[in-house]
Amino acid sequence: MTDAAFVENAATALGRRVVAALEARDFDALAVLFADDYVEVIQRNAETPIPRGEMLRGIRMLVEDAGGMLAIDEITTRGERLQLHRTRITVPNPNGASDVIEYMSVMVADGDGRLARTEAFDVDRLDDATARLEELHRAGA
């Protein structure tokens, strides 16, 4: 999807650990993967950032209560700590089918290998997500 090469880095390893913790329903292990000052920003209409505690509660409700599953499809990386991926959340609905939510995510790992920040973009905004990844890379993230 992008011209840049994909290189394994701390962010790709972190993404796999997040998915593994969710698949194991190990919410304590999941919490350790998020930095204390973690924040998610949804890049749509300047919404308010979502802090760590709220994000962890939402993930737990999605997986534990709603039976949801999360998948990360890696697209590209920058440096040692940045990754752009497509996130797919699948949640069973009462009709026997599943509801699917997809979005692009720029992931930033901190120096300790924990999730410091994610920025979510609608799937039709790949160019914006790629530009944000490049901006963070140039800024030394």
N, C-alpha and C. Protein backbone atom coordinates (compact mmCIF):
# COMPACT_ATOMS: atom_id res chain seq x y z
N MET A 1 0.80 -1.21 0.00
CA MET A 1 0.00 0.00 0.00
C MET A 1 0.84 1.27 0.00
N THR A 2 2.06 1.17 0.51
CA THR A 2 2.95 2.32 0.48
C THR A 2 4.23 1.92 -0.22
N ASP A 3 5.03 2.90 -0.58
CA ASP A 3 6.29 2.64 -1.27
C ASP A 3 7.40 2.23 -0.31
N ALA A 4 7.23 2.43 0.95
CA ALA A 4 8.28 2.19 1.93
C ALA A 4 8.41 0.69 2.25
N ALA A 5 9.62 0.30 2.57
CA ALA A 5 9.87 -1.09 2.93
C ALA A 5 9.36 -1.37 4.34
N PHE A 6 8.97 -2.62 4.55
CA PHE A 6 8.54 -3.04 5.87
C PHE A 6 9.73 -3.64 6.59
N VAL A 7 10.02 -3.14 7.77
CA VAL A 7 11.14 -3.62 8.57
C VAL A 7 10.61 -3.93 9.96
N GLU A 8 10.94 -5.11 10.48
CA GLU A 8 10.57 -5.44 11.85
C GLU A 8 11.18 -4.42 12.80
N ASN A 9 10.43 -4.00 13.81
CA ASN A 9 10.95 -3.07 14.81
C ASN A 9 10.20 -3.27 16.13
N ALA A 10 10.46 -2.41 17.09
CA ALA A 10 9.82 -2.53 18.40
C ALA A 10 8.30 -2.42 18.29
N ALA A 11 7.81 -1.60 17.38
CA ALA A 11 6.36 -1.42 17.22
C ALA A 11 5.70 -2.68 16.67
N THR A 12 6.35 -3.36 15.72
CA THR A 12 5.76 -4.58 15.17
C THR A 12 5.71 -5.67 16.23
N ALA A 13 6.78 -5.80 17.00
CA ALA A 13 6.80 -6.80 18.08
C ALA A 13 5.73 -6.47 19.12
N LEU A 14 5.57 -5.21 19.43
CA LEU A 14 4.57 -4.76 20.39
C LEU A 14 3.16 -5.09 19.89
N GLY A 15 2.91 -4.84 18.63
CA GLY A 15 1.59 -5.15 18.06
C GLY A 15 1.24 -6.62 18.21
N ARG A 16 2.21 -7.49 17.97
CA ARG A 16 1.96 -8.93 18.12
C ARG A 16 1.71 -9.30 19.58
N ARG A 17 2.41 -8.64 20.52
CA ARG A 17 2.19 -8.92 21.94
C ARG A 17 0.81 -8.45 22.39
N VAL A 18 0.34 -7.33 21.86
CA VAL A 18 -1.00 -6.84 22.19
C VAL A 18 -2.04 -7.86 21.73
N VAL A 19 -1.94 -8.30 20.48
CA VAL A 19 -2.90 -9.27 19.95
C VAL A 19 -2.84 -10.57 20.75
N ALA A 20 -1.64 -11.05 21.09
CA ALA A 20 -1.50 -12.29 21.87
C ALA A 20 -2.15 -12.16 23.25
N ALA A 21 -1.96 -11.02 23.90
CA ALA A 21 -2.57 -10.81 25.23
C ALA A 21 -4.09 -10.80 25.11
N LEU A 22 -4.62 -10.20 24.06
CA LEU A 22 -6.07 -10.19 23.87
C LEU A 22 -6.60 -11.58 23.58
N GLU A 23 -5.90 -12.33 22.74
CA GLU A 23 -6.34 -13.69 22.43
C GLU A 23 -6.33 -14.58 23.67
N ALA A 24 -5.38 -14.33 24.57
CA ALA A 24 -5.28 -15.09 25.82
C ALA A 24 -6.21 -14.55 26.91
N ARG A 25 -6.87 -13.44 26.61
CA ARG A 25 -7.72 -12.75 27.60
C ARG A 25 -6.92 -12.40 28.86
N ASP A 26 -5.65 -12.07 28.64
CA ASP A 26 -4.74 -11.72 29.75
C ASP A 26 -4.67 -10.20 29.84
N PHE A 27 -5.62 -9.62 30.56
CA PHE A 27 -5.74 -8.17 30.62
C PHE A 27 -4.65 -7.53 31.49
N ASP A 28 -4.09 -8.29 32.42
CA ASP A 28 -2.95 -7.77 33.19
C ASP A 28 -1.73 -7.63 32.28
N ALA A 29 -1.47 -8.64 31.45
CA ALA A 29 -0.36 -8.56 30.49
C ALA A 29 -0.60 -7.44 29.49
N LEU A 30 -1.84 -7.26 29.08
CA LEU A 30 -2.17 -6.18 28.15
C LEU A 30 -1.86 -4.82 28.76
N ALA A 31 -2.25 -4.62 30.00
CA ALA A 31 -2.03 -3.34 30.66
C ALA A 31 -0.56 -2.97 30.74
N VAL A 32 0.30 -3.98 30.94
CA VAL A 32 1.75 -3.74 31.02
C VAL A 32 2.29 -3.21 29.70
N LEU A 33 1.62 -3.53 28.59
CA LEU A 33 2.10 -3.12 27.26
C LEU A 33 1.80 -1.66 26.94
N PHE A 34 0.97 -1.02 27.77
CA PHE A 34 0.61 0.38 27.56
C PHE A 34 1.38 1.26 28.54
N ALA A 35 2.10 2.25 28.01
CA ALA A 35 2.82 3.19 28.87
C ALA A 35 1.82 3.94 29.76
N ASP A 36 2.28 4.38 30.91
CA ASP A 36 1.41 5.08 31.85
C ASP A 36 0.78 6.33 31.24
N ASP A 37 1.50 6.99 30.33
CA ASP A 37 0.98 8.21 29.71
C ASP A 37 0.45 7.97 28.30
N TYR A 38 0.12 6.72 27.99
CA TYR A 38 -0.44 6.35 26.68
C TYR A 38 -1.66 7.20 26.36
N VAL A 39 -1.83 7.50 25.07
CA VAL A 39 -3.01 8.19 24.59
C VAL A 39 -3.32 7.72 23.17
N GLU A 40 -4.62 7.62 22.87
CA GLU A 40 -5.05 7.38 21.48
C GLU A 40 -5.76 8.63 21.00
N VAL A 41 -5.44 9.02 19.77
CA VAL A 41 -6.09 10.16 19.15
C VAL A 41 -6.82 9.67 17.92
N ILE A 42 -8.10 9.93 17.85
CA ILE A 42 -8.89 9.57 16.68
C ILE A 42 -8.88 10.80 15.77
N GLN A 43 -8.26 10.64 14.61
CA GLN A 43 -8.07 11.77 13.70
C GLN A 43 -9.33 12.00 12.86
N ARG A 44 -10.34 12.50 13.54
CA ARG A 44 -11.60 12.80 12.89
C ARG A 44 -12.24 13.94 13.67
N ASN A 45 -12.38 15.07 13.06
CA ASN A 45 -13.06 16.20 13.68
C ASN A 45 -12.45 16.62 15.02
N ALA A 46 -11.13 16.51 15.17
CA ALA A 46 -10.41 16.98 16.36
C ALA A 46 -11.01 16.44 17.66
N GLU A 47 -11.30 15.15 17.68
CA GLU A 47 -11.86 14.55 18.89
C GLU A 47 -10.85 14.56 20.03
N THR A 48 -11.35 14.46 21.23
CA THR A 48 -10.52 14.45 22.43
C THR A 48 -9.71 13.17 22.51
N PRO A 49 -8.43 13.25 22.86
CA PRO A 49 -7.62 12.03 23.03
C PRO A 49 -8.21 11.11 24.09
N ILE A 50 -8.02 9.80 23.88
CA ILE A 50 -8.51 8.79 24.80
C ILE A 50 -7.34 8.35 25.68
N PRO A 51 -7.41 8.55 26.99
CA PRO A 51 -6.30 8.17 27.87
C PRO A 51 -6.23 6.67 28.11
N ARG A 52 -5.13 6.22 28.67
CA ARG A 52 -4.80 4.82 28.90
C ARG A 52 -5.92 4.05 29.61
N GLY A 53 -6.36 4.53 30.74
CA GLY A 53 -7.37 3.82 31.53
C GLY A 53 -8.66 3.61 30.76
N GLU A 54 -9.09 4.63 30.08
CA GLU A 54 -10.33 4.52 29.30
C GLU A 54 -10.15 3.54 28.14
N MET A 55 -8.98 3.58 27.49
CA MET A 55 -8.71 2.66 26.38
C MET A 55 -8.70 1.22 26.87
N LEU A 56 -8.03 0.95 27.98
CA LEU A 56 -7.97 -0.41 28.52
C LEU A 56 -9.35 -0.92 28.92
N ARG A 57 -10.16 -0.06 29.53
CA ARG A 57 -11.54 -0.46 29.89
C ARG A 57 -12.34 -0.80 28.63
N GLY A 58 -12.21 0.02 27.61
CA GLY A 58 -12.94 -0.22 26.36
C GLY A 58 -12.51 -1.51 25.67
N ILE A 59 -11.21 -1.77 25.65
CA ILE A 59 -10.72 -3.01 25.04
C ILE A 59 -11.24 -4.22 25.81
N ARG A 60 -11.21 -4.14 27.12
CA ARG A 60 -11.67 -5.27 27.94
C ARG A 60 -13.15 -5.53 27.69
N MET A 61 -13.96 -4.49 27.64
CA MET A 61 -15.40 -4.65 27.36
C MET A 61 -15.61 -5.26 25.98
N LEU A 62 -14.86 -4.79 25.02
CA LEU A 62 -14.99 -5.30 23.65
C LEU A 62 -14.68 -6.79 23.57
N VAL A 63 -13.60 -7.20 24.21
CA VAL A 63 -13.15 -8.59 24.12
C VAL A 63 -13.91 -9.48 25.10
N GLU A 64 -13.95 -9.09 26.36
CA GLU A 64 -14.52 -9.94 27.40
C GLU A 64 -16.05 -9.98 27.34
N ASP A 65 -16.66 -8.83 27.25
CA ASP A 65 -18.12 -8.76 27.29
C ASP A 65 -18.78 -9.03 25.94
N ALA A 66 -18.18 -8.48 24.87
CA ALA A 66 -18.81 -8.59 23.55
C ALA A 66 -18.24 -9.72 22.70
N GLY A 67 -17.17 -10.38 23.17
CA GLY A 67 -16.59 -11.48 22.39
C GLY A 67 -15.84 -11.03 21.17
N GLY A 68 -15.38 -9.78 21.17
CA GLY A 68 -14.67 -9.24 20.01
C GLY A 68 -13.26 -9.78 19.85
N MET A 69 -12.77 -9.67 18.63
CA MET A 69 -11.40 -10.07 18.30
C MET A 69 -10.74 -8.93 17.55
N LEU A 70 -9.44 -8.77 17.77
CA LEU A 70 -8.68 -7.70 17.13
C LEU A 70 -7.60 -8.33 16.26
N ALA A 71 -7.43 -7.77 15.06
CA ALA A 71 -6.35 -8.20 14.17
C ALA A 71 -5.60 -6.96 13.68
N ILE A 72 -4.30 -7.09 13.54
CA ILE A 72 -3.46 -6.01 13.04
C ILE A 72 -2.76 -6.50 11.78
N ASP A 73 -2.99 -5.80 10.68
CA ASP A 73 -2.32 -6.09 9.42
C ASP A 73 -1.26 -5.01 9.20
N GLU A 74 0.00 -5.40 9.35
CA GLU A 74 1.10 -4.45 9.23
C GLU A 74 1.23 -3.94 7.80
N ILE A 75 1.48 -2.65 7.67
CA ILE A 75 1.64 -2.03 6.35
C ILE A 75 3.08 -1.58 6.14
N THR A 76 3.57 -0.74 7.06
CA THR A 76 4.94 -0.27 6.93
C THR A 76 5.45 0.21 8.28
N THR A 77 6.74 0.41 8.37
CA THR A 77 7.37 0.89 9.59
C THR A 77 8.30 2.03 9.27
N ARG A 78 8.67 2.76 10.30
CA ARG A 78 9.70 3.80 10.20
C ARG A 78 10.55 3.70 11.45
N GLY A 79 11.84 3.75 11.28
CA GLY A 79 12.74 3.72 12.42
C GLY A 79 12.53 2.49 13.28
N GLU A 80 12.84 2.63 14.55
CA GLU A 80 12.72 1.51 15.46
C GLU A 80 11.39 1.49 16.20
N ARG A 81 10.63 2.60 16.15
CA ARG A 81 9.47 2.69 17.05
C ARG A 81 8.14 3.01 16.39
N LEU A 82 8.09 3.12 15.08
CA LEU A 82 6.86 3.53 14.41
C LEU A 82 6.33 2.46 13.47
N GLN A 83 5.02 2.32 13.43
CA GLN A 83 4.38 1.38 12.52
C GLN A 83 3.05 1.95 12.05
N LEU A 84 2.72 1.67 10.81
CA LEU A 84 1.40 1.95 10.26
C LEU A 84 0.76 0.60 9.98
N HIS A 85 -0.45 0.41 10.50
CA HIS A 85 -1.15 -0.86 10.26
C HIS A 85 -2.64 -0.61 10.11
N ARG A 86 -3.30 -1.63 9.60
CA ARG A 86 -4.76 -1.62 9.51
C ARG A 86 -5.27 -2.46 10.67
N THR A 87 -6.19 -1.91 11.42
CA THR A 87 -6.79 -2.61 12.55
C THR A 87 -8.18 -3.09 12.15
N ARG A 88 -8.47 -4.33 12.48
CA ARG A 88 -9.79 -4.89 12.22
C ARG A 88 -10.33 -5.46 13.53
N ILE A 89 -11.48 -4.97 13.94
CA ILE A 89 -12.15 -5.46 15.14
C ILE A 89 -13.43 -6.16 14.68
N THR A 90 -13.57 -7.42 15.06
CA THR A 90 -14.73 -8.21 14.69
C THR A 90 -15.51 -8.56 15.95
N VAL A 91 -16.79 -8.21 15.95
CA VAL A 91 -17.64 -8.44 17.12
C VAL A 91 -18.89 -9.21 16.66
N PRO A 92 -19.13 -10.39 17.26
CA PRO A 92 -20.34 -11.14 16.90
C PRO A 92 -21.59 -10.33 17.24
N ASN A 93 -22.61 -10.44 16.39
CA ASN A 93 -23.87 -9.76 16.71
C ASN A 93 -24.96 -10.81 16.91
N PRO A 94 -26.10 -10.42 17.45
CA PRO A 94 -27.16 -11.39 17.78
C PRO A 94 -27.71 -12.15 16.58
N ASN A 95 -27.48 -11.65 15.37
CA ASN A 95 -28.02 -12.29 14.17
C ASN A 95 -27.15 -13.45 13.69
N GLY A 96 -26.06 -13.75 14.42
CA GLY A 96 -25.18 -14.83 14.01
C GLY A 96 -24.07 -14.39 13.08
N ALA A 97 -24.09 -13.16 12.66
CA ALA A 97 -23.03 -12.60 11.81
C ALA A 97 -22.07 -11.83 12.70
N SER A 98 -21.22 -11.04 12.10
CA SER A 98 -20.29 -10.21 12.87
C SER A 98 -20.29 -8.80 12.34
N ASP A 99 -20.12 -7.87 13.25
CA ASP A 99 -19.89 -6.48 12.88
C ASP A 99 -18.38 -6.27 12.81
N VAL A 100 -17.93 -5.57 11.80
CA VAL A 100 -16.50 -5.35 11.60
C VAL A 100 -16.24 -3.85 11.58
N ILE A 101 -15.26 -3.45 12.37
CA ILE A 101 -14.80 -2.06 12.39
C ILE A 101 -13.36 -2.09 11.90
N GLU A 102 -13.04 -1.26 10.92
CA GLU A 102 -11.67 -1.20 10.40
C GLU A 102 -11.20 0.24 10.38
N TYR A 103 -9.93 0.42 10.69
CA TYR A 103 -9.33 1.74 10.61
C TYR A 103 -7.82 1.59 10.46
N MET A 104 -7.17 2.66 10.05
CA MET A 104 -5.72 2.70 9.94
C MET A 104 -5.19 3.24 11.27
N SER A 105 -4.04 2.73 11.70
CA SER A 105 -3.45 3.19 12.95
C SER A 105 -1.97 3.44 12.80
N VAL A 106 -1.54 4.58 13.28
CA VAL A 106 -0.11 4.86 13.45
C VAL A 106 0.20 4.54 14.90
N MET A 107 1.15 3.62 15.10
CA MET A 107 1.52 3.16 16.44
C MET A 107 2.90 3.68 16.78
N VAL A 108 3.05 4.20 18.00
CA VAL A 108 4.34 4.67 18.49
C VAL A 108 4.70 3.87 19.73
N ALA A 109 5.85 3.17 19.67
CA ALA A 109 6.37 2.45 20.84
C ALA A 109 7.33 3.37 21.57
N ASP A 110 7.37 3.26 22.89
CA ASP A 110 8.33 4.06 23.64
C ASP A 110 9.65 3.30 23.76
N GLY A 111 10.63 3.91 24.41
CA GLY A 111 11.95 3.30 24.56
C GLY A 111 11.96 2.04 25.39
N ASP A 112 10.89 1.79 26.15
CA ASP A 112 10.78 0.58 26.96
C ASP A 112 9.97 -0.51 26.26
N GLY A 113 9.61 -0.29 24.99
CA GLY A 113 8.85 -1.29 24.25
C GLY A 113 7.38 -1.35 24.60
N ARG A 114 6.87 -0.23 25.14
CA ARG A 114 5.45 -0.15 25.47
C ARG A 114 4.76 0.79 24.50
N LEU A 115 3.46 0.67 24.41
CA LEU A 115 2.67 1.51 23.52
C LEU A 115 2.53 2.90 24.12
N ALA A 116 3.08 3.89 23.43
CA ALA A 116 3.05 5.27 23.92
C ALA A 116 1.87 6.06 23.33
N ARG A 117 1.54 5.75 22.06
CA ARG A 117 0.53 6.55 21.37
C ARG A 117 0.03 5.78 20.16
N THR A 118 -1.25 5.93 19.87
CA THR A 118 -1.78 5.51 18.59
C THR A 118 -2.63 6.65 18.04
N GLU A 119 -2.64 6.74 16.73
CA GLU A 119 -3.48 7.72 16.05
C GLU A 119 -4.29 6.96 15.01
N ALA A 120 -5.59 7.03 15.12
CA ALA A 120 -6.50 6.27 14.27
C ALA A 120 -7.06 7.16 13.16
N PHE A 121 -7.12 6.56 11.95
CA PHE A 121 -7.62 7.24 10.76
C PHE A 121 -8.63 6.34 10.06
N ASP A 122 -9.66 6.91 9.48
CA ASP A 122 -10.59 6.13 8.67
C ASP A 122 -9.81 5.44 7.55
N VAL A 123 -10.27 4.27 7.11
CA VAL A 123 -9.52 3.50 6.11
C VAL A 123 -9.35 4.24 4.79
N ASP A 124 -10.23 5.15 4.48
CA ASP A 124 -10.09 5.89 3.23
C ASP A 124 -9.10 7.06 3.36
N ARG A 125 -8.44 7.17 4.52
CA ARG A 125 -7.47 8.24 4.73
C ARG A 125 -6.05 7.69 4.88
N LEU A 126 -5.72 6.68 4.08
CA LEU A 126 -4.39 6.10 4.12
C LEU A 126 -3.31 7.14 3.87
N ASP A 127 -3.55 8.06 2.94
CA ASP A 127 -2.55 9.10 2.66
C ASP A 127 -2.29 9.97 3.89
N ASP A 128 -3.34 10.30 4.62
CA ASP A 128 -3.18 11.10 5.84
C ASP A 128 -2.42 10.32 6.91
N ALA A 129 -2.75 9.03 7.05
CA ALA A 129 -2.06 8.20 8.04
C ALA A 129 -0.58 8.06 7.68
N THR A 130 -0.29 7.86 6.40
CA THR A 130 1.10 7.75 5.95
C THR A 130 1.85 9.07 6.18
N ALA A 131 1.20 10.18 5.90
CA ALA A 131 1.83 11.48 6.13
C ALA A 131 2.11 11.69 7.62
N ARG A 132 1.21 11.26 8.49
CA ARG A 132 1.43 11.39 9.93
C ARG A 132 2.59 10.51 10.40
N LEU A 133 2.68 9.30 9.86
CA LEU A 133 3.79 8.41 10.16
C LEU A 133 5.12 9.09 9.80
N GLU A 134 5.18 9.68 8.61
CA GLU A 134 6.39 10.37 8.16
C GLU A 134 6.71 11.58 9.04
N GLU A 135 5.66 12.31 9.43
CA GLU A 135 5.85 13.48 10.30
C GLU A 135 6.44 13.07 11.64
N LEU A 136 5.90 12.02 12.23
CA LEU A 136 6.43 11.54 13.51
C LEU A 136 7.87 11.04 13.37
N HIS A 137 8.16 10.38 12.25
CA HIS A 137 9.52 9.89 12.01
C HIS A 137 10.50 11.06 11.90
N ARG A 138 10.13 12.08 11.15
CA ARG A 138 11.01 13.27 11.01
C ARG A 138 11.21 13.97 12.34
N ALA A 139 10.20 13.91 13.22
CA ALA A 139 10.28 14.56 14.53
C ALA A 139 11.08 13.72 15.54
N GLY A 140 11.50 12.52 15.13
CA GLY A 140 12.31 11.70 16.00
C GLY A 140 11.55 10.77 16.92
N ALA A 141 10.27 10.56 16.63
CA ALA A 141 9.48 9.63 17.47
C ALA A 141 9.93 8.21 17.29
